Amino acid sequence: YFEWVQNLMNYYWSADEVYEKLDKKMTKAFWDVIAAKEKYNIDMRTASYAVAIQRVVDAMKARGFGY
């Protein structure tokens, strides 16, 4: 993902910057799954799917698909 963004936007990030951005993304993803797990009282695997599906729904709505 970060390589794609760098190429698309003509950015250059050092390895440390990439690792920092990756750490932030992964940490947020982890806490999003924990929040879904607690909200719906489900296991981590199912919560991961719930978060992923919600992100797809949000992206589709942002692009004008859906209801």
PDB file of N, CA and C in Angstrom:
ATOM      1  N   TYR A   1       0.823  -1.196   0.000  1.00  0.00           N
ATOM      2  CA  TYR A   1       0.000   0.000   0.000  1.00  0.00           C
ATOM      3  C   TYR A   1       0.864   1.255   0.000  1.00  0.00           C
ATOM      4  N   PHE A   2       1.841   1.304   0.894  1.00  0.00           N
ATOM      5  CA  PHE A   2       2.654   2.513   1.006  1.00  0.00           C
ATOM      6  C   PHE A   2       3.505   2.733  -0.241  1.00  0.00           C
ATOM      7  N   GLU A   3       3.979   1.648  -0.841  1.00  0.00           N
ATOM      8  CA  GLU A   3       4.739   1.776  -2.085  1.00  0.00           C
ATOM      9  C   GLU A   3       3.842   2.348  -3.178  1.00  0.00           C
ATOM     10  N   TRP A   4       2.610   1.889  -3.238  1.00  0.00           N
ATOM     11  CA  TRP A   4       1.655   2.379  -4.224  1.00  0.00           C
ATOM     12  C   TRP A   4       1.405   3.871  -4.030  1.00  0.00           C
ATOM     13  N   VAL A   5       1.188   4.302  -2.783  1.00  0.00           N
ATOM     14  CA  VAL A   5       0.943   5.718  -2.495  1.00  0.00           C
ATOM     15  C   VAL A   5       2.155   6.561  -2.884  1.00  0.00           C
ATOM     16  N   GLN A   6       3.336   6.084  -2.548  1.00  0.00           N
ATOM     17  CA  GLN A   6       4.547   6.826  -2.902  1.00  0.00           C
ATOM     18  C   GLN A   6       4.650   7.010  -4.416  1.00  0.00           C
ATOM     19  N   ASN A   7       4.405   5.952  -5.161  1.00  0.00           N
ATOM     20  CA  ASN A   7       4.479   6.042  -6.618  1.00  0.00           C
ATOM     21  C   ASN A   7       3.391   6.939  -7.185  1.00  0.00           C
ATOM     22  N   LEU A   8       2.184   6.804  -6.663  1.00  0.00           N
ATOM     23  CA  LEU A   8       1.051   7.580  -7.152  1.00  0.00           C
ATOM     24  C   LEU A   8       1.240   9.073  -6.908  1.00  0.00           C
ATOM     25  N   MET A   9       1.700   9.425  -5.714  1.00  0.00           N
ATOM     26  CA  MET A   9       1.818  10.830  -5.318  1.00  0.00           C
ATOM     27  C   MET A   9       3.229  11.395  -5.501  1.00  0.00           C
ATOM     28  N   ASN A  10       4.123  10.569  -6.030  1.00  0.00           N
ATOM     29  CA  ASN A  10       5.519  10.968  -6.217  1.00  0.00           C
ATOM     30  C   ASN A  10       6.167  11.388  -4.890  1.00  0.00           C
ATOM     31  N   TYR A  11       5.895  10.628  -3.842  1.00  0.00           N
ATOM     32  CA  TYR A  11       6.482  10.852  -2.517  1.00  0.00           C
ATOM     33  C   TYR A  11       7.692   9.958  -2.345  1.00  0.00           C
ATOM     34  N   TYR A  12       8.521  10.322  -1.392  1.00  0.00           N
ATOM     35  CA  TYR A  12       9.582   9.422  -0.951  1.00  0.00           C
ATOM     36  C   TYR A  12       9.564   9.395   0.564  1.00  0.00           C
ATOM     37  N   TRP A  13       9.413   8.214   1.126  1.00  0.00           N
ATOM     38  CA  TRP A  13       9.467   8.041   2.573  1.00  0.00           C
ATOM     39  C   TRP A  13      10.627   7.123   2.901  1.00  0.00           C
ATOM     40  N   SER A  14      11.294   7.432   3.994  1.00  0.00           N
ATOM     41  CA  SER A  14      12.360   6.543   4.461  1.00  0.00           C
ATOM     42  C   SER A  14      11.725   5.270   5.023  1.00  0.00           C
ATOM     43  N   ALA A  15      12.541   4.264   5.221  1.00  0.00           N
ATOM     44  CA  ALA A  15      12.039   3.006   5.792  1.00  0.00           C
ATOM     45  C   ALA A  15      11.424   3.257   7.162  1.00  0.00           C
ATOM     46  N   ASP A  16      12.034   4.127   7.960  1.00  0.00           N
ATOM     47  CA  ASP A  16      11.487   4.433   9.290  1.00  0.00           C
ATOM     48  C   ASP A  16      10.107   5.064   9.196  1.00  0.00           C
ATOM     49  N   GLU A  17       9.916   5.958   8.222  1.00  0.00           N
ATOM     50  CA  GLU A  17       8.605   6.585   8.044  1.00  0.00           C
ATOM     51  C   GLU A  17       7.557   5.550   7.631  1.00  0.00           C
ATOM     52  N   VAL A  18       7.936   4.646   6.757  1.00  0.00           N
ATOM     53  CA  VAL A  18       7.009   3.597   6.320  1.00  0.00           C
ATOM     54  C   VAL A  18       6.628   2.714   7.502  1.00  0.00           C
ATOM     55  N   TYR A  19       7.615   2.321   8.306  1.00  0.00           N
ATOM     56  CA  TYR A  19       7.329   1.485   9.476  1.00  0.00           C
ATOM     57  C   TYR A  19       6.431   2.209  10.471  1.00  0.00           C
ATOM     58  N   GLU A  20       6.638   3.517  10.632  1.00  0.00           N
ATOM     59  CA  GLU A  20       5.798   4.295  11.547  1.00  0.00           C
ATOM     60  C   GLU A  20       4.357   4.348  11.039  1.00  0.00           C
ATOM     61  N   LYS A  21       4.181   4.599   9.750  1.00  0.00           N
ATOM     62  CA  LYS A  21       2.840   4.639   9.164  1.00  0.00           C
ATOM     63  C   LYS A  21       2.164   3.266   9.255  1.00  0.00           C
ATOM     64  N   LEU A  22       2.935   2.224   8.996  1.00  0.00           N
ATOM     65  CA  LEU A  22       2.401   0.869   9.083  1.00  0.00           C
ATOM     66  C   LEU A  22       1.983   0.543  10.512  1.00  0.00           C
ATOM     67  N   ASP A  23       2.812   0.934  11.473  1.00  0.00           N
ATOM     68  CA  ASP A  23       2.495   0.693  12.879  1.00  0.00           C
ATOM     69  C   ASP A  23       1.186   1.377  13.261  1.00  0.00           C
ATOM     70  N   LYS A  24       0.991   2.614  12.822  1.00  0.00           N
ATOM     71  CA  LYS A  24      -0.246   3.344  13.125  1.00  0.00           C
ATOM     72  C   LYS A  24      -1.458   2.646  12.508  1.00  0.00           C
ATOM     73  N   LYS A  25      -1.324   2.223  11.235  1.00  0.00           N
ATOM     74  CA  LYS A  25      -2.436   1.543  10.565  1.00  0.00           C
ATOM     75  C   LYS A  25      -2.784   0.222  11.239  1.00  0.00           C
ATOM     76  N   MET A  26      -1.767  -0.554  11.575  1.00  0.00           N
ATOM     77  CA  MET A  26      -1.989  -1.860  12.198  1.00  0.00           C
ATOM     78  C   MET A  26      -2.568  -1.712  13.603  1.00  0.00           C
ATOM     79  N   THR A  27      -2.088  -0.720  14.345  1.00  0.00           N
ATOM     80  CA  THR A  27      -2.601  -0.489  15.697  1.00  0.00           C
ATOM     81  C   THR A  27      -4.066  -0.078  15.646  1.00  0.00           C
ATOM     82  N   LYS A  28      -4.413   0.818  14.713  1.00  0.00           N
ATOM     83  CA  LYS A  28      -5.810   1.233  14.575  1.00  0.00           C
ATOM     84  C   LYS A  28      -6.681   0.043  14.183  1.00  0.00           C
ATOM     85  N   ALA A  29      -6.196  -0.778  13.255  1.00  0.00           N
ATOM     86  CA  ALA A  29      -6.955  -1.957  12.834  1.00  0.00           C
ATOM     87  C   ALA A  29      -7.205  -2.890  14.016  1.00  0.00           C
ATOM     88  N   PHE A  30      -6.174  -3.092  14.837  1.00  0.00           N
ATOM     89  CA  PHE A  30      -6.316  -3.949  16.015  1.00  0.00           C
ATOM     90  C   PHE A  30      -7.402  -3.420  16.944  1.00  0.00           C
ATOM     91  N   TRP A  31      -7.348  -2.128  17.251  1.00  0.00           N
ATOM     92  CA  TRP A  31      -8.330  -1.565  18.180  1.00  0.00           C
ATOM     93  C   TRP A  31      -9.728  -1.523  17.575  1.00  0.00           C
ATOM     94  N   ASP A  32      -9.837  -1.375  16.259  1.00  0.00           N
ATOM     95  CA  ASP A  32     -11.147  -1.451  15.606  1.00  0.00           C
ATOM     96  C   ASP A  32     -11.754  -2.840  15.775  1.00  0.00           C
ATOM     97  N   VAL A  33     -10.929  -3.870  15.654  1.00  0.00           N
ATOM     98  CA  VAL A  33     -11.405  -5.246  15.830  1.00  0.00           C
ATOM     99  C   VAL A  33     -11.800  -5.484  17.286  1.00  0.00           C
ATOM    100  N   ILE A  34     -10.996  -5.006  18.217  1.00  0.00           N
ATOM    101  CA  ILE A  34     -11.329  -5.146  19.644  1.00  0.00           C
ATOM    102  C   ILE A  34     -12.667  -4.472  19.937  1.00  0.00           C
ATOM    103  N   ALA A  35     -12.868  -3.275  19.388  1.00  0.00           N
ATOM    104  CA  ALA A  35     -14.124  -2.549  19.618  1.00  0.00           C
ATOM    105  C   ALA A  35     -15.317  -3.330  19.068  1.00  0.00           C
ATOM    106  N   ALA A  36     -15.180  -3.893  17.866  1.00  0.00           N
ATOM    107  CA  ALA A  36     -16.269  -4.686  17.281  1.00  0.00           C
ATOM    108  C   ALA A  36     -16.521  -5.941  18.105  1.00  0.00           C
ATOM    109  N   LYS A  37     -15.455  -6.569  18.579  1.00  0.00           N
ATOM    110  CA  LYS A  37     -15.578  -7.771  19.416  1.00  0.00           C
ATOM    111  C   LYS A  37     -16.407  -7.480  20.653  1.00  0.00           C
ATOM    112  N   GLU A  38     -16.097  -6.374  21.300  1.00  0.00           N
ATOM    113  CA  GLU A  38     -16.810  -6.017  22.530  1.00  0.00           C
ATOM    114  C   GLU A  38     -18.226  -5.536  22.247  1.00  0.00           C
ATOM    115  N   LYS A  39     -18.398  -4.762  21.177  1.00  0.00           N
ATOM    116  CA  LYS A  39     -19.718  -4.223  20.846  1.00  0.00           C
ATOM    117  C   LYS A  39     -20.722  -5.328  20.533  1.00  0.00           C
ATOM    118  N   TYR A  40     -20.291  -6.317  19.753  1.00  0.00           N
ATOM    119  CA  TYR A  40     -21.198  -7.369  19.304  1.00  0.00           C
ATOM    120  C   TYR A  40     -21.059  -8.671  20.086  1.00  0.00           C
ATOM    121  N   ASN A  41     -20.131  -8.703  21.045  1.00  0.00           N
ATOM    122  CA  ASN A  41     -19.888  -9.892  21.865  1.00  0.00           C
ATOM    123  C   ASN A  41     -19.605 -11.117  20.979  1.00  0.00           C
ATOM    124  N   ILE A  42     -18.610 -10.958  20.102  1.00  0.00           N
ATOM    125  CA  ILE A  42     -18.230 -12.018  19.170  1.00  0.00           C
ATOM    126  C   ILE A  42     -16.731 -12.287  19.286  1.00  0.00           C
ATOM    127  N   ASP A  43     -16.275 -13.364  18.646  1.00  0.00           N
ATOM    128  CA  ASP A  43     -14.849 -13.694  18.696  1.00  0.00           C
ATOM    129  C   ASP A  43     -14.055 -12.766  17.760  1.00  0.00           C
ATOM    130  N   MET A  44     -12.725 -12.779  17.918  1.00  0.00           N
ATOM    131  CA  MET A  44     -11.850 -11.877  17.163  1.00  0.00           C
ATOM    132  C   MET A  44     -11.934 -12.123  15.655  1.00  0.00           C
ATOM    133  N   ARG A  45     -12.021 -13.373  15.253  1.00  0.00           N
ATOM    134  CA  ARG A  45     -12.080 -13.690  13.822  1.00  0.00           C
ATOM    135  C   ARG A  45     -13.333 -13.094  13.194  1.00  0.00           C
ATOM    136  N   THR A  46     -14.468 -13.292  13.839  1.00  0.00           N
ATOM    137  CA  THR A  46     -15.723 -12.754  13.330  1.00  0.00           C
ATOM    138  C   THR A  46     -15.709 -11.233  13.374  1.00  0.00           C
ATOM    139  N   ALA A  47     -15.131 -10.673  14.421  1.00  0.00           N
ATOM    140  CA  ALA A  47     -15.020  -9.216  14.527  1.00  0.00           C
ATOM    141  C   ALA A  47     -14.166  -8.657  13.395  1.00  0.00           C
ATOM    142  N   SER A  48     -13.116  -9.369  13.027  1.00  0.00           N
ATOM    143  CA  SER A  48     -12.264  -8.934  11.910  1.00  0.00           C
ATOM    144  C   SER A  48     -13.068  -8.877  10.618  1.00  0.00           C
ATOM    145  N   TYR A  49     -13.876  -9.895  10.385  1.00  0.00           N
ATOM    146  CA  TYR A  49     -14.731  -9.898   9.201  1.00  0.00           C
ATOM    147  C   TYR A  49     -15.742  -8.757   9.260  1.00  0.00           C
ATOM    148  N   ALA A  50     -16.328  -8.525  10.423  1.00  0.00           N
ATOM    149  CA  ALA A  50     -17.317  -7.457  10.572  1.00  0.00           C
ATOM    150  C   ALA A  50     -16.700  -6.097  10.254  1.00  0.00           C
ATOM    151  N   VAL A  51     -15.497  -5.858  10.756  1.00  0.00           N
ATOM    152  CA  VAL A  51     -14.805  -4.594  10.486  1.00  0.00           C
ATOM    153  C   VAL A  51     -14.506  -4.472   8.994  1.00  0.00           C
ATOM    154  N   ALA A  52     -14.012  -5.538   8.391  1.00  0.00           N
ATOM    155  CA  ALA A  52     -13.672  -5.515   6.966  1.00  0.00           C
ATOM    156  C   ALA A  52     -14.905  -5.251   6.105  1.00  0.00           C
ATOM    157  N   ILE A  53     -15.995  -5.928   6.408  1.00  0.00           N
ATOM    158  CA  ILE A  53     -17.223  -5.742   5.636  1.00  0.00           C
ATOM    159  C   ILE A  53     -17.750  -4.327   5.802  1.00  0.00           C
ATOM    160  N   GLN A  54     -17.680  -3.791   7.012  1.00  0.00           N
ATOM    161  CA  GLN A  54     -18.140  -2.421   7.233  1.00  0.00           C
ATOM    162  C   GLN A  54     -17.299  -1.427   6.441  1.00  0.00           C
ATOM    163  N   ARG A  55     -16.008  -1.677   6.334  1.00  0.00           N
ATOM    164  CA  ARG A  55     -15.134  -0.790   5.554  1.00  0.00           C
ATOM    165  C   ARG A  55     -15.492  -0.839   4.075  1.00  0.00           C
ATOM    166  N   VAL A  56     -15.839  -2.018   3.576  1.00  0.00           N
ATOM    167  CA  VAL A  56     -16.260  -2.136   2.177  1.00  0.00           C
ATOM    168  C   VAL A  56     -17.569  -1.385   1.966  1.00  0.00           C
ATOM    169  N   VAL A  57     -18.512  -1.540   2.877  1.00  0.00           N
ATOM    170  CA  VAL A  57     -19.796  -0.839   2.789  1.00  0.00           C
ATOM    171  C   VAL A  57     -19.573   0.668   2.801  1.00  0.00           C
ATOM    172  N   ASP A  58     -18.730   1.149   3.701  1.00  0.00           N
ATOM    173  CA  ASP A  58     -18.441   2.586   3.779  1.00  0.00           C
ATOM    174  C   ASP A  58     -17.821   3.100   2.482  1.00  0.00           C
ATOM    175  N   ALA A  59     -16.898   2.330   1.906  1.00  0.00           N
ATOM    176  CA  ALA A  59     -16.258   2.729   0.648  1.00  0.00           C
ATOM    177  C   ALA A  59     -17.274   2.766  -0.488  1.00  0.00           C
ATOM    178  N   MET A  60     -18.170   1.786  -0.518  1.00  0.00           N
ATOM    179  CA  MET A  60     -19.194   1.761  -1.561  1.00  0.00           C
ATOM    180  C   MET A  60     -20.131   2.956  -1.430  1.00  0.00           C
ATOM    181  N   LYS A  61     -20.535   3.270  -0.210  1.00  0.00           N
ATOM    182  CA  LYS A  61     -21.411   4.425   0.008  1.00  0.00           C
ATOM    183  C   LYS A  61     -20.719   5.717  -0.399  1.00  0.00           C
ATOM    184  N   ALA A  62     -19.430   5.836  -0.084  1.00  0.00           N
ATOM    185  CA  ALA A  62     -18.673   7.041  -0.433  1.00  0.00           C
ATOM    186  C   ALA A  62     -18.577   7.218  -1.947  1.00  0.00           C
ATOM    187  N   ARG A  63     -18.665   6.121  -2.682  1.00  0.00           N
ATOM    188  CA  ARG A  63     -18.565   6.175  -4.140  1.00  0.00           C
ATOM    189  C   ARG A  63     -19.938   6.185  -4.821  1.00  0.00           C
ATOM    190  N   GLY A  64     -20.991   6.264  -4.024  1.00  0.00           N
ATOM    191  CA  GLY A  64     -22.324   6.385  -4.589  1.00  0.00           C
ATOM    192  C   GLY A  64     -23.052   5.085  -4.835  1.00  0.00           C
ATOM    193  N   PHE A  65     -22.489   3.960  -4.393  1.00  0.00           N
ATOM    194  CA  PHE A  65     -23.173   2.679  -4.532  1.00  0.00           C
ATOM    195  C   PHE A  65     -24.039   2.444  -3.301  1.00  0.00           C
ATOM    196  N   GLY A  66     -24.994   1.579  -3.438  1.00  0.00           N
ATOM    197  CA  GLY A  66     -25.784   1.181  -2.275  1.00  0.00           C
ATOM    198  C   GLY A  66     -26.962   2.095  -2.031  1.00  0.00           C
ATOM    199  N   TYR A  67     -27.359   2.123  -0.784  1.00  0.00           N
ATOM    200  CA  TYR A  67     -28.600   2.796  -0.408  1.00  0.00           C
ATOM    201  C   TYR A  67     -28.360   4.139   0.186  1.00  0.00           C
TER     202      TYR A  67
END
